């Protein structure tokens, strides 16, 4: 089967679409419910933190896939879109839970740096080194820690929730990487 050719701009657009499809705010909240996460992660600040962690994981999955299948110019152009991608997916969730909405036009440099150096940086080495199986444990640890910091308490997800979350994370990695493998990305 021949691969569909994408220009560099189309490749970046495809990567951004993969991120957006997998970080829809309503979908992320449904994911938390279907994973049977504790109530602390299903509404309010806990849901916002769950979604922030899921966005970091998803962004790392797309980035790691581009590292495998796309030229560096496409990878770098996608990474330059990070602030825009975060703005588009965080504002609706903040509004739903009565929090101050994030500026839709851009995320501040401090918030972007915190995202890149924090959760995103945690997943990238694991995905780049083929250690995807370690991502669910990191996800649950970070989620419990961030929720405890924000709310003063948080019970970590139980084994059943971790297993459901791990299965969903594995499906995301597989789906995104399979999709990217089907393209031939052209350099600028």
N, C-alpha and C. Protein backbone atom coordinates (compact mmCIF):
# COMPACT_ATOMS: atom_id res chain seq x y z
N UNK A 1 0.84 -1.17 0.00
CA UNK A 1 0.00 0.00 0.00
C UNK A 1 0.88 1.23 0.00
N UNK A 2 0.60 2.16 -0.89
CA UNK A 2 1.41 3.37 -0.96
C UNK A 2 0.96 4.37 0.10
N UNK A 3 1.91 5.12 0.57
CA UNK A 3 1.64 6.10 1.60
C UNK A 3 1.16 7.39 0.95
N UNK A 4 0.27 8.06 1.64
CA UNK A 4 -0.21 9.35 1.16
C UNK A 4 0.86 10.40 1.46
N UNK A 5 1.22 11.17 0.44
CA UNK A 5 2.23 12.21 0.63
C UNK A 5 1.59 13.47 1.19
N UNK A 6 2.27 14.05 2.16
CA UNK A 6 1.82 15.30 2.75
C UNK A 6 2.97 16.31 2.69
N UNK A 7 2.63 17.52 2.30
CA UNK A 7 3.64 18.58 2.37
C UNK A 7 3.96 18.82 3.84
N UNK A 8 4.98 19.58 4.11
CA UNK A 8 5.34 19.88 5.50
C UNK A 8 4.16 20.55 6.21
N UNK A 9 3.53 21.51 5.56
CA UNK A 9 2.39 22.21 6.17
C UNK A 9 1.23 21.25 6.43
N UNK A 10 0.95 20.36 5.47
CA UNK A 10 -0.11 19.38 5.67
C UNK A 10 0.24 18.41 6.79
N UNK A 11 1.52 18.07 6.91
CA UNK A 11 1.96 17.18 7.97
C UNK A 11 1.74 17.79 9.35
N UNK A 12 2.05 19.07 9.47
CA UNK A 12 1.83 19.77 10.73
C UNK A 12 0.33 19.83 11.03
N UNK A 13 -0.45 20.12 10.01
CA UNK A 13 -1.90 20.18 10.18
C UNK A 13 -2.45 18.81 10.62
N UNK A 14 -1.95 17.74 10.00
CA UNK A 14 -2.40 16.39 10.37
C UNK A 14 -2.05 16.09 11.83
N UNK A 15 -0.85 16.46 12.24
CA UNK A 15 -0.43 16.23 13.62
C UNK A 15 -1.30 17.03 14.59
N UNK A 16 -1.59 18.27 14.25
CA UNK A 16 -2.45 19.11 15.09
C UNK A 16 -3.86 18.52 15.19
N UNK A 17 -4.35 17.97 14.09
CA UNK A 17 -5.68 17.34 14.09
C UNK A 17 -5.67 16.11 14.99
N UNK A 18 -4.62 15.31 14.92
CA UNK A 18 -4.52 14.13 15.79
C UNK A 18 -4.54 14.55 17.26
N UNK A 19 -3.83 15.63 17.58
CA UNK A 19 -3.84 16.13 18.95
C UNK A 19 -5.24 16.58 19.34
N UNK A 20 -5.86 17.38 18.49
CA UNK A 20 -7.19 17.93 18.80
C UNK A 20 -8.24 16.83 18.96
N UNK A 21 -8.21 15.84 18.10
CA UNK A 21 -9.18 14.74 18.18
C UNK A 21 -9.07 13.98 19.50
N UNK A 22 -7.88 13.88 20.02
CA UNK A 22 -7.65 13.09 21.22
C UNK A 22 -7.60 13.90 22.50
N UNK A 23 -7.88 15.20 22.40
CA UNK A 23 -7.89 16.05 23.59
C UNK A 23 -9.14 16.92 23.66
N UNK A 24 -10.19 16.48 23.02
CA UNK A 24 -11.46 17.17 23.12
C UNK A 24 -11.86 17.18 24.60
N UNK A 25 -12.16 18.35 25.16
CA UNK A 25 -12.47 18.41 26.61
C UNK A 25 -13.56 17.46 27.06
N UNK A 26 -14.66 17.37 26.34
CA UNK A 26 -15.74 16.46 26.73
C UNK A 26 -15.27 15.01 26.66
N UNK A 27 -14.50 14.69 25.64
CA UNK A 27 -13.98 13.34 25.49
C UNK A 27 -13.02 12.96 26.61
N UNK A 28 -12.21 13.92 27.03
CA UNK A 28 -11.27 13.64 28.12
C UNK A 28 -12.02 13.37 29.42
N UNK A 29 -13.07 14.13 29.68
CA UNK A 29 -13.86 13.92 30.90
C UNK A 29 -14.56 12.56 30.83
N UNK A 30 -15.10 12.21 29.64
CA UNK A 30 -15.72 10.88 29.48
C UNK A 30 -14.69 9.77 29.73
N UNK A 31 -13.46 10.00 29.26
CA UNK A 31 -12.39 9.03 29.47
C UNK A 31 -12.14 8.82 30.96
N UNK A 32 -12.09 9.90 31.72
CA UNK A 32 -11.88 9.79 33.17
C UNK A 32 -13.02 9.00 33.81
N UNK A 33 -14.24 9.25 33.38
CA UNK A 33 -15.39 8.51 33.91
C UNK A 33 -15.30 7.03 33.52
N UNK A 34 -14.98 6.75 32.27
CA UNK A 34 -14.94 5.34 31.82
C UNK A 34 -13.79 4.57 32.45
N UNK A 35 -12.74 5.27 32.86
CA UNK A 35 -11.63 4.61 33.54
C UNK A 35 -11.95 4.37 35.02
N UNK A 36 -13.13 4.83 35.45
CA UNK A 36 -13.58 4.68 36.83
C UNK A 36 -12.62 5.32 37.82
N UNK A 37 -12.13 6.51 37.44
CA UNK A 37 -11.24 7.23 38.34
C UNK A 37 -12.01 7.71 39.56
N UNK A 38 -11.32 7.92 40.67
CA UNK A 38 -11.99 8.43 41.87
C UNK A 38 -12.68 9.78 41.59
N UNK A 39 -13.72 10.09 42.34
CA UNK A 39 -14.47 11.33 42.12
C UNK A 39 -13.62 12.61 42.12
N UNK A 40 -12.50 12.59 42.80
CA UNK A 40 -11.64 13.78 42.86
C UNK A 40 -11.16 14.20 41.48
N UNK A 41 -11.17 13.29 40.51
CA UNK A 41 -10.67 13.58 39.16
C UNK A 41 -11.78 13.79 38.14
N UNK A 42 -13.02 13.77 38.57
CA UNK A 42 -14.13 13.77 37.63
C UNK A 42 -14.83 15.12 37.49
N UNK A 43 -14.52 16.06 38.35
CA UNK A 43 -15.17 17.37 38.24
C UNK A 43 -14.28 18.44 38.82
N UNK A 44 -14.61 19.67 38.50
CA UNK A 44 -13.89 20.82 39.04
C UNK A 44 -12.40 20.77 38.75
N UNK A 45 -11.62 21.19 39.74
CA UNK A 45 -10.16 21.26 39.59
C UNK A 45 -9.55 19.90 39.26
N UNK A 46 -10.10 18.83 39.81
CA UNK A 46 -9.57 17.49 39.52
C UNK A 46 -9.71 17.13 38.05
N UNK A 47 -10.86 17.47 37.45
CA UNK A 47 -11.06 17.20 36.02
C UNK A 47 -10.12 18.06 35.18
N UNK A 48 -9.93 19.29 35.59
CA UNK A 48 -9.00 20.17 34.86
C UNK A 48 -7.59 19.60 34.90
N UNK A 49 -7.18 19.10 36.06
CA UNK A 49 -5.85 18.51 36.19
C UNK A 49 -5.72 17.21 35.39
N UNK A 50 -6.77 16.38 35.41
CA UNK A 50 -6.76 15.16 34.59
C UNK A 50 -6.57 15.52 33.12
N UNK A 51 -7.34 16.48 32.65
CA UNK A 51 -7.27 16.87 31.24
C UNK A 51 -5.92 17.47 30.89
N UNK A 52 -5.34 18.23 31.79
CA UNK A 52 -4.01 18.80 31.54
C UNK A 52 -2.97 17.69 31.40
N UNK A 53 -3.07 16.69 32.24
CA UNK A 53 -2.13 15.57 32.16
C UNK A 53 -2.35 14.77 30.88
N UNK A 54 -3.61 14.58 30.49
CA UNK A 54 -3.91 13.85 29.25
C UNK A 54 -3.39 14.62 28.04
N UNK A 55 -3.53 15.94 28.05
CA UNK A 55 -2.98 16.75 26.94
C UNK A 55 -1.47 16.58 26.84
N UNK A 56 -0.79 16.56 27.99
CA UNK A 56 0.67 16.38 27.98
C UNK A 56 1.05 15.03 27.39
N UNK A 57 0.34 13.99 27.81
CA UNK A 57 0.62 12.65 27.28
C UNK A 57 0.34 12.60 25.78
N UNK A 58 -0.79 13.13 25.35
CA UNK A 58 -1.16 13.11 23.94
C UNK A 58 -0.16 13.90 23.10
N UNK A 59 0.24 15.05 23.59
CA UNK A 59 1.22 15.87 22.86
C UNK A 59 2.54 15.10 22.72
N UNK A 60 2.93 14.40 23.77
CA UNK A 60 4.16 13.60 23.70
C UNK A 60 4.01 12.44 22.72
N UNK A 61 2.83 11.83 22.68
CA UNK A 61 2.59 10.72 21.74
C UNK A 61 2.72 11.21 20.30
N UNK A 62 2.08 12.32 19.99
CA UNK A 62 2.16 12.87 18.63
C UNK A 62 3.60 13.26 18.31
N UNK A 63 4.27 13.90 19.24
CA UNK A 63 5.66 14.32 19.03
C UNK A 63 6.56 13.12 18.79
N UNK A 64 6.43 12.09 19.61
CA UNK A 64 7.26 10.89 19.44
C UNK A 64 6.96 10.20 18.11
N UNK A 65 5.70 10.22 17.69
CA UNK A 65 5.35 9.66 16.38
C UNK A 65 6.00 10.44 15.25
N UNK A 66 5.97 11.75 15.35
CA UNK A 66 6.62 12.58 14.33
C UNK A 66 8.13 12.35 14.31
N UNK A 67 8.71 12.12 15.48
CA UNK A 67 10.15 11.82 15.54
C UNK A 67 10.48 10.58 14.72
N UNK A 68 9.55 9.62 14.69
CA UNK A 68 9.77 8.37 13.97
C UNK A 68 9.50 8.49 12.47
N UNK A 69 8.48 9.26 12.10
CA UNK A 69 7.98 9.19 10.74
C UNK A 69 8.09 10.47 9.91
N UNK A 70 8.47 11.57 10.51
CA UNK A 70 8.48 12.84 9.78
C UNK A 70 9.86 13.47 9.82
N UNK A 71 10.14 14.31 8.85
CA UNK A 71 11.40 15.05 8.89
C UNK A 71 11.41 16.05 10.05
N UNK A 72 12.60 16.45 10.45
CA UNK A 72 12.73 17.38 11.57
C UNK A 72 11.98 18.69 11.36
N UNK A 73 11.87 19.14 10.13
CA UNK A 73 11.18 20.41 9.87
C UNK A 73 9.70 20.31 10.26
N UNK A 74 9.09 19.16 10.01
CA UNK A 74 7.68 18.95 10.39
C UNK A 74 7.57 18.85 11.91
N UNK A 75 8.46 18.10 12.52
CA UNK A 75 8.47 17.96 13.98
C UNK A 75 8.60 19.33 14.64
N UNK A 76 9.55 20.11 14.21
CA UNK A 76 9.78 21.43 14.84
C UNK A 76 8.59 22.37 14.60
N UNK A 77 8.01 22.32 13.42
CA UNK A 77 6.84 23.18 13.15
C UNK A 77 5.66 22.77 14.04
N UNK A 78 5.50 21.47 14.27
CA UNK A 78 4.44 21.00 15.17
C UNK A 78 4.71 21.50 16.60
N UNK A 79 5.93 21.36 17.05
CA UNK A 79 6.26 21.79 18.41
C UNK A 79 6.04 23.30 18.60
N UNK A 80 6.23 24.06 17.55
CA UNK A 80 5.97 25.51 17.65
C UNK A 80 4.49 25.81 17.83
N UNK A 81 3.64 24.84 17.57
CA UNK A 81 2.19 25.02 17.73
C UNK A 81 1.71 24.68 19.15
N UNK A 82 2.59 24.28 20.03
CA UNK A 82 2.21 23.81 21.36
C UNK A 82 1.30 24.80 22.09
N UNK A 83 1.67 26.05 22.14
CA UNK A 83 0.86 27.05 22.84
C UNK A 83 -0.54 27.15 22.27
N UNK A 84 -0.65 27.16 20.96
CA UNK A 84 -1.96 27.23 20.31
C UNK A 84 -2.80 25.99 20.62
N UNK A 85 -2.18 24.83 20.58
CA UNK A 85 -2.90 23.59 20.86
C UNK A 85 -3.43 23.58 22.29
N UNK A 86 -2.64 24.02 23.22
CA UNK A 86 -3.07 24.05 24.62
C UNK A 86 -4.19 25.05 24.82
N UNK A 87 -4.10 26.19 24.19
CA UNK A 87 -5.14 27.22 24.32
C UNK A 87 -6.48 26.70 23.83
N UNK A 88 -6.47 25.99 22.73
CA UNK A 88 -7.72 25.52 22.13
C UNK A 88 -8.41 24.45 22.97
N UNK A 89 -7.65 23.70 23.76
CA UNK A 89 -8.27 22.61 24.50
C UNK A 89 -8.48 22.91 25.99
N UNK A 90 -7.83 23.94 26.52
CA UNK A 90 -7.98 24.20 27.95
C UNK A 90 -9.09 25.18 28.27
N UNK A 91 -9.34 26.16 27.43
CA UNK A 91 -10.34 27.18 27.74
C UNK A 91 -11.75 26.61 27.93
N UNK A 92 -12.25 25.72 27.06
CA UNK A 92 -13.61 25.20 27.27
C UNK A 92 -13.78 24.49 28.61
N UNK A 93 -12.78 23.76 29.04
CA UNK A 93 -12.87 23.04 30.29
C UNK A 93 -12.89 24.00 31.48
N UNK A 94 -12.05 25.02 31.43
CA UNK A 94 -12.03 26.01 32.51
C UNK A 94 -13.39 26.71 32.60
N UNK A 95 -13.97 27.03 31.45
CA UNK A 95 -15.26 27.70 31.44
C UNK A 95 -16.35 26.80 32.01
N UNK A 96 -16.31 25.51 31.66
CA UNK A 96 -17.32 24.57 32.13
C UNK A 96 -17.32 24.46 33.65
N UNK A 97 -16.15 24.52 34.25
CA UNK A 97 -16.05 24.36 35.69
C UNK A 97 -15.95 25.69 36.43
N UNK A 98 -16.37 26.78 35.77
CA UNK A 98 -16.47 28.07 36.43
C UNK A 98 -15.14 28.70 36.79
N UNK A 99 -14.09 28.32 36.13
CA UNK A 99 -12.77 28.88 36.39
C UNK A 99 -12.50 29.97 35.35
N UNK A 100 -11.55 30.80 35.62
CA UNK A 100 -11.18 31.82 34.65
C UNK A 100 -10.66 31.12 33.40
N UNK A 101 -11.20 31.50 32.27
CA UNK A 101 -10.81 30.86 31.01
C UNK A 101 -9.41 31.29 30.61
N UNK A 102 -8.69 30.36 30.01
CA UNK A 102 -7.38 30.66 29.46
C UNK A 102 -7.57 31.50 28.21
N UNK A 103 -6.68 32.43 27.99
CA UNK A 103 -6.73 33.27 26.80
C UNK A 103 -6.72 32.37 25.57
N UNK A 104 -7.76 32.47 24.75
CA UNK A 104 -7.90 31.61 23.57
C UNK A 104 -6.82 31.88 22.52
N UNK A 105 -6.25 33.08 22.51
CA UNK A 105 -5.29 33.41 21.47
C UNK A 105 -3.90 32.87 21.76
N UNK A 106 -3.51 32.83 23.01
CA UNK A 106 -2.18 32.34 23.32
C UNK A 106 -2.08 31.98 24.80
N UNK A 107 -1.25 31.01 25.06
CA UNK A 107 -0.93 30.64 26.44
C UNK A 107 0.31 31.43 26.81
N UNK A 108 0.37 31.88 28.03
CA UNK A 108 1.52 32.67 28.48
C UNK A 108 2.81 31.88 28.46
N UNK A 109 3.93 32.57 28.34
CA UNK A 109 5.23 31.88 28.28
C UNK A 109 5.53 31.05 29.54
N UNK A 110 5.10 31.52 30.71
CA UNK A 110 5.36 30.76 31.93
C UNK A 110 4.56 29.45 31.95
N UNK A 111 3.29 29.53 31.53
CA UNK A 111 2.45 28.32 31.49
C UNK A 111 2.98 27.34 30.44
N UNK A 112 3.41 27.85 29.30
CA UNK A 112 3.96 27.00 28.25
C UNK A 112 5.24 26.33 28.73
N UNK A 113 6.10 27.10 29.36
CA UNK A 113 7.36 26.54 29.87
C UNK A 113 7.09 25.48 30.93
N UNK A 114 6.13 25.75 31.80
CA UNK A 114 5.76 24.79 32.84
C UNK A 114 5.26 23.48 32.22
N UNK A 115 4.46 23.59 31.17
CA UNK A 115 3.94 22.41 30.48
C UNK A 115 5.07 21.62 29.83
N UNK A 116 5.92 22.32 29.09
CA UNK A 116 7.00 21.65 28.35
C UNK A 116 8.01 21.02 29.30
N UNK A 117 8.40 21.75 30.35
CA UNK A 117 9.40 21.24 31.28
C UNK A 117 8.83 20.27 32.31
N UNK A 118 7.51 20.27 32.46
CA UNK A 118 6.87 19.42 33.46
C UNK A 118 6.34 18.14 32.87
N UNK A 119 5.01 18.07 32.67
CA UNK A 119 4.42 16.79 32.26
C UNK A 119 4.90 16.30 30.89
N UNK A 120 5.00 17.19 29.92
CA UNK A 120 5.45 16.78 28.59
C UNK A 120 6.84 16.15 28.67
N UNK A 121 7.74 16.78 29.42
CA UNK A 121 9.11 16.29 29.55
C UNK A 121 9.14 14.93 30.26
N UNK A 122 8.16 14.63 31.07
CA UNK A 122 8.12 13.33 31.74
C UNK A 122 7.81 12.19 30.79
N UNK A 123 6.93 12.44 29.83
CA UNK A 123 6.51 11.37 28.91
C UNK A 123 7.45 11.19 27.73
N UNK A 124 8.09 12.26 27.29
CA UNK A 124 8.90 12.17 26.07
C UNK A 124 10.00 11.12 26.13
N UNK A 125 10.81 11.06 27.19
CA UNK A 125 11.87 10.04 27.19
C UNK A 125 11.31 8.62 27.15
N UNK A 126 10.20 8.40 27.85
CA UNK A 126 9.61 7.06 27.85
C UNK A 126 9.14 6.67 26.46
N UNK A 127 8.45 7.58 25.79
CA UNK A 127 7.94 7.28 24.45
C UNK A 127 9.06 7.18 23.43
N UNK A 128 10.04 8.06 23.53
CA UNK A 128 11.15 8.06 22.57
C UNK A 128 12.01 6.80 22.71
N UNK A 129 12.04 6.21 23.90
CA UNK A 129 12.86 5.03 24.14
C UNK A 129 12.04 3.73 24.11
N UNK A 130 10.79 3.83 23.63
CA UNK A 130 9.96 2.63 23.50
C UNK A 130 9.49 2.06 24.83
N UNK A 131 9.38 2.90 25.85
CA UNK A 131 8.96 2.45 27.18
C UNK A 131 7.55 2.95 27.51
N UNK A 132 6.64 2.81 26.53
CA UNK A 132 5.27 3.28 26.70
C UNK A 132 4.58 2.65 27.90
N UNK A 133 4.94 1.43 28.23
CA UNK A 133 4.30 0.72 29.34
C UNK A 133 4.51 1.42 30.68
N UNK A 134 5.49 2.29 30.77
CA UNK A 134 5.74 3.02 32.02
C UNK A 134 4.92 4.30 32.12
N UNK A 135 4.29 4.71 31.03
CA UNK A 135 3.53 5.97 31.02
C UNK A 135 2.32 5.96 31.96
N UNK A 136 1.53 4.89 32.03
CA UNK A 136 0.36 4.93 32.93
C UNK A 136 0.73 5.16 34.40
N UNK A 137 1.79 4.52 34.85
CA UNK A 137 2.21 4.71 36.25
C UNK A 137 2.64 6.15 36.48
N UNK A 138 3.41 6.70 35.55
CA UNK A 138 3.81 8.11 35.66
C UNK A 138 2.59 9.01 35.64
N UNK A 139 1.65 8.73 34.76
CA UNK A 139 0.43 9.51 34.65
C UNK A 139 -0.31 9.54 35.99
N UNK A 140 -0.52 8.38 36.57
CA UNK A 140 -1.26 8.29 37.83
C UNK A 140 -0.51 8.96 38.98
N UNK A 141 0.81 8.81 39.03
CA UNK A 141 1.60 9.46 40.07
C UNK A 141 1.49 10.98 39.95
N UNK A 142 1.68 11.48 38.73
CA UNK A 142 1.63 12.93 38.53
C UNK A 142 0.24 13.47 38.83
N UNK A 143 -0.79 12.75 38.39
CA UNK A 143 -2.16 13.19 38.60
C UNK A 143 -2.48 13.27 40.09
N UNK A 144 -2.13 12.25 40.85
CA UNK A 144 -2.39 12.25 42.29
C UNK A 144 -1.61 13.37 42.97
N UNK A 145 -0.37 13.55 42.58
CA UNK A 145 0.46 14.59 43.19
C UNK A 145 -0.09 15.99 42.90
N UNK A 146 -0.43 16.25 41.64
CA UNK A 146 -0.96 17.57 41.27
C UNK A 146 -2.31 17.83 41.93
N UNK A 147 -3.15 16.81 42.01
CA UNK A 147 -4.46 16.99 42.63
C UNK A 147 -4.30 17.22 44.13
N UNK A 148 -3.40 16.51 44.76
CA UNK A 148 -3.16 16.72 46.19
C UNK A 148 -2.64 18.14 46.44
N UNK A 149 -1.77 18.60 45.56
CA UNK A 149 -1.23 19.97 45.70
C UNK A 149 -2.35 21.00 45.54
N UNK A 150 -3.24 20.79 44.60
CA UNK A 150 -4.30 21.77 44.33
C UNK A 150 -5.46 21.68 45.31
N UNK A 151 -5.81 20.48 45.71
CA UNK A 151 -7.01 20.29 46.54
C UNK A 151 -6.69 19.94 47.99
N UNK A 152 -5.41 19.70 48.29
CA UNK A 152 -5.04 19.33 49.64
C UNK A 152 -5.15 17.85 49.93
N UNK A 153 -5.80 17.11 49.03
CA UNK A 153 -5.94 15.66 49.19
C UNK A 153 -6.25 15.04 47.84
N UNK A 154 -5.89 13.79 47.71
CA UNK A 154 -6.23 13.04 46.50
C UNK A 154 -5.92 11.58 46.72
N UNK A 155 -6.87 10.74 46.37
CA UNK A 155 -6.61 9.31 46.43
C UNK A 155 -6.15 8.88 45.05
N UNK A 156 -5.05 8.14 45.00
CA UNK A 156 -4.57 7.71 43.68
C UNK A 156 -5.56 6.73 43.05
N UNK A 157 -5.57 6.66 41.74
CA UNK A 157 -6.44 5.68 41.07
C UNK A 157 -6.11 4.26 41.53
N UNK A 158 -7.13 3.42 41.68
CA UNK A 158 -6.91 2.04 42.09
C UNK A 158 -6.42 1.21 40.90
N UNK A 159 -6.14 -0.05 41.13
CA UNK A 159 -5.57 -0.91 40.08
C UNK A 159 -6.49 -1.05 38.88
N UNK A 160 -7.81 -1.14 39.12
CA UNK A 160 -8.75 -1.27 38.02
C UNK A 160 -8.74 0.00 37.16
N UNK A 161 -8.73 1.15 37.79
CA UNK A 161 -8.69 2.42 37.05
C UNK A 161 -7.38 2.54 36.28
N UNK A 162 -6.27 2.15 36.92
CA UNK A 162 -4.97 2.20 36.25
C UNK A 162 -4.96 1.29 35.02
N UNK A 163 -5.55 0.11 35.16
CA UNK A 163 -5.58 -0.83 34.03
C UNK A 163 -6.40 -0.27 32.87
N UNK A 164 -7.54 0.31 33.17
CA UNK A 164 -8.37 0.91 32.12
C UNK A 164 -7.64 2.07 31.46
N UNK A 165 -7.01 2.89 32.27
CA UNK A 165 -6.26 4.02 31.76
C UNK A 165 -5.08 3.54 30.91
N UNK A 166 -4.38 2.51 31.37
CA UNK A 166 -3.25 1.96 30.62
C UNK A 166 -3.70 1.44 29.26
N UNK A 167 -4.85 0.77 29.22
CA UNK A 167 -5.36 0.26 27.94
C UNK A 167 -5.68 1.41 26.99
N UNK A 168 -6.29 2.45 27.50
CA UNK A 168 -6.63 3.60 26.66
C UNK A 168 -5.36 4.29 26.17
N UNK A 169 -4.37 4.41 27.04
CA UNK A 169 -3.11 5.04 26.64
C UNK A 169 -2.41 4.21 25.55
N UNK A 170 -2.43 2.90 25.69
CA UNK A 170 -1.82 2.03 24.69
C UNK A 170 -2.54 2.15 23.34
N UNK A 171 -3.87 2.23 23.40
CA UNK A 171 -4.64 2.40 22.15
C UNK A 171 -4.32 3.74 21.49
N UNK A 172 -4.15 4.79 22.29
CA UNK A 172 -3.82 6.09 21.73
C UNK A 172 -2.47 6.05 21.03
N UNK A 173 -1.47 5.48 21.69
CA UNK A 173 -0.14 5.38 21.09
C UNK A 173 -0.23 4.62 19.77
N UNK A 174 -0.88 3.48 19.79
CA UNK A 174 -1.00 2.65 18.59
C UNK A 174 -1.73 3.38 17.47
N UNK A 175 -2.85 4.00 17.78
CA UNK A 175 -3.65 4.67 16.76
C UNK A 175 -2.90 5.85 16.13
N UNK A 176 -2.29 6.66 16.97
CA UNK A 176 -1.59 7.85 16.45
C UNK A 176 -0.38 7.42 15.63
N UNK A 177 0.41 6.51 16.15
CA UNK A 177 1.61 6.10 15.42
C UNK A 177 1.26 5.36 14.14
N UNK A 178 0.21 4.53 14.15
CA UNK A 178 -0.22 3.86 12.93
C UNK A 178 -0.65 4.88 11.88
N UNK A 179 -1.37 5.89 12.30
CA UNK A 179 -1.83 6.92 11.37
C UNK A 179 -0.63 7.66 10.76
N UNK A 180 0.32 8.06 11.62
CA UNK A 180 1.48 8.80 11.11
C UNK A 180 2.34 7.93 10.19
N UNK A 181 2.39 6.64 10.46
CA UNK A 181 3.18 5.72 9.62
C UNK A 181 2.61 5.63 8.21
N UNK A 182 1.33 5.91 8.05
CA UNK A 182 0.69 5.82 6.74
C UNK A 182 0.94 7.03 5.84
N UNK A 183 1.66 8.02 6.37
CA UNK A 183 1.97 9.21 5.58
C UNK A 183 3.43 9.26 5.20
N UNK A 184 3.68 9.85 4.07
CA UNK A 184 5.04 10.20 3.68
C UNK A 184 5.12 11.71 3.80
N UNK A 185 5.85 12.18 4.80
CA UNK A 185 5.97 13.61 5.07
C UNK A 185 7.09 14.18 4.22
N UNK A 186 6.80 15.22 3.49
CA UNK A 186 7.80 15.88 2.68
C UNK A 186 8.42 17.03 3.48
N UNK A 187 9.70 17.21 3.33
CA UNK A 187 10.39 18.31 4.02
C UNK A 187 10.09 19.63 3.29
N UNK A 188 10.29 20.72 4.00
CA UNK A 188 10.10 22.05 3.37
C UNK A 188 11.01 22.22 2.19
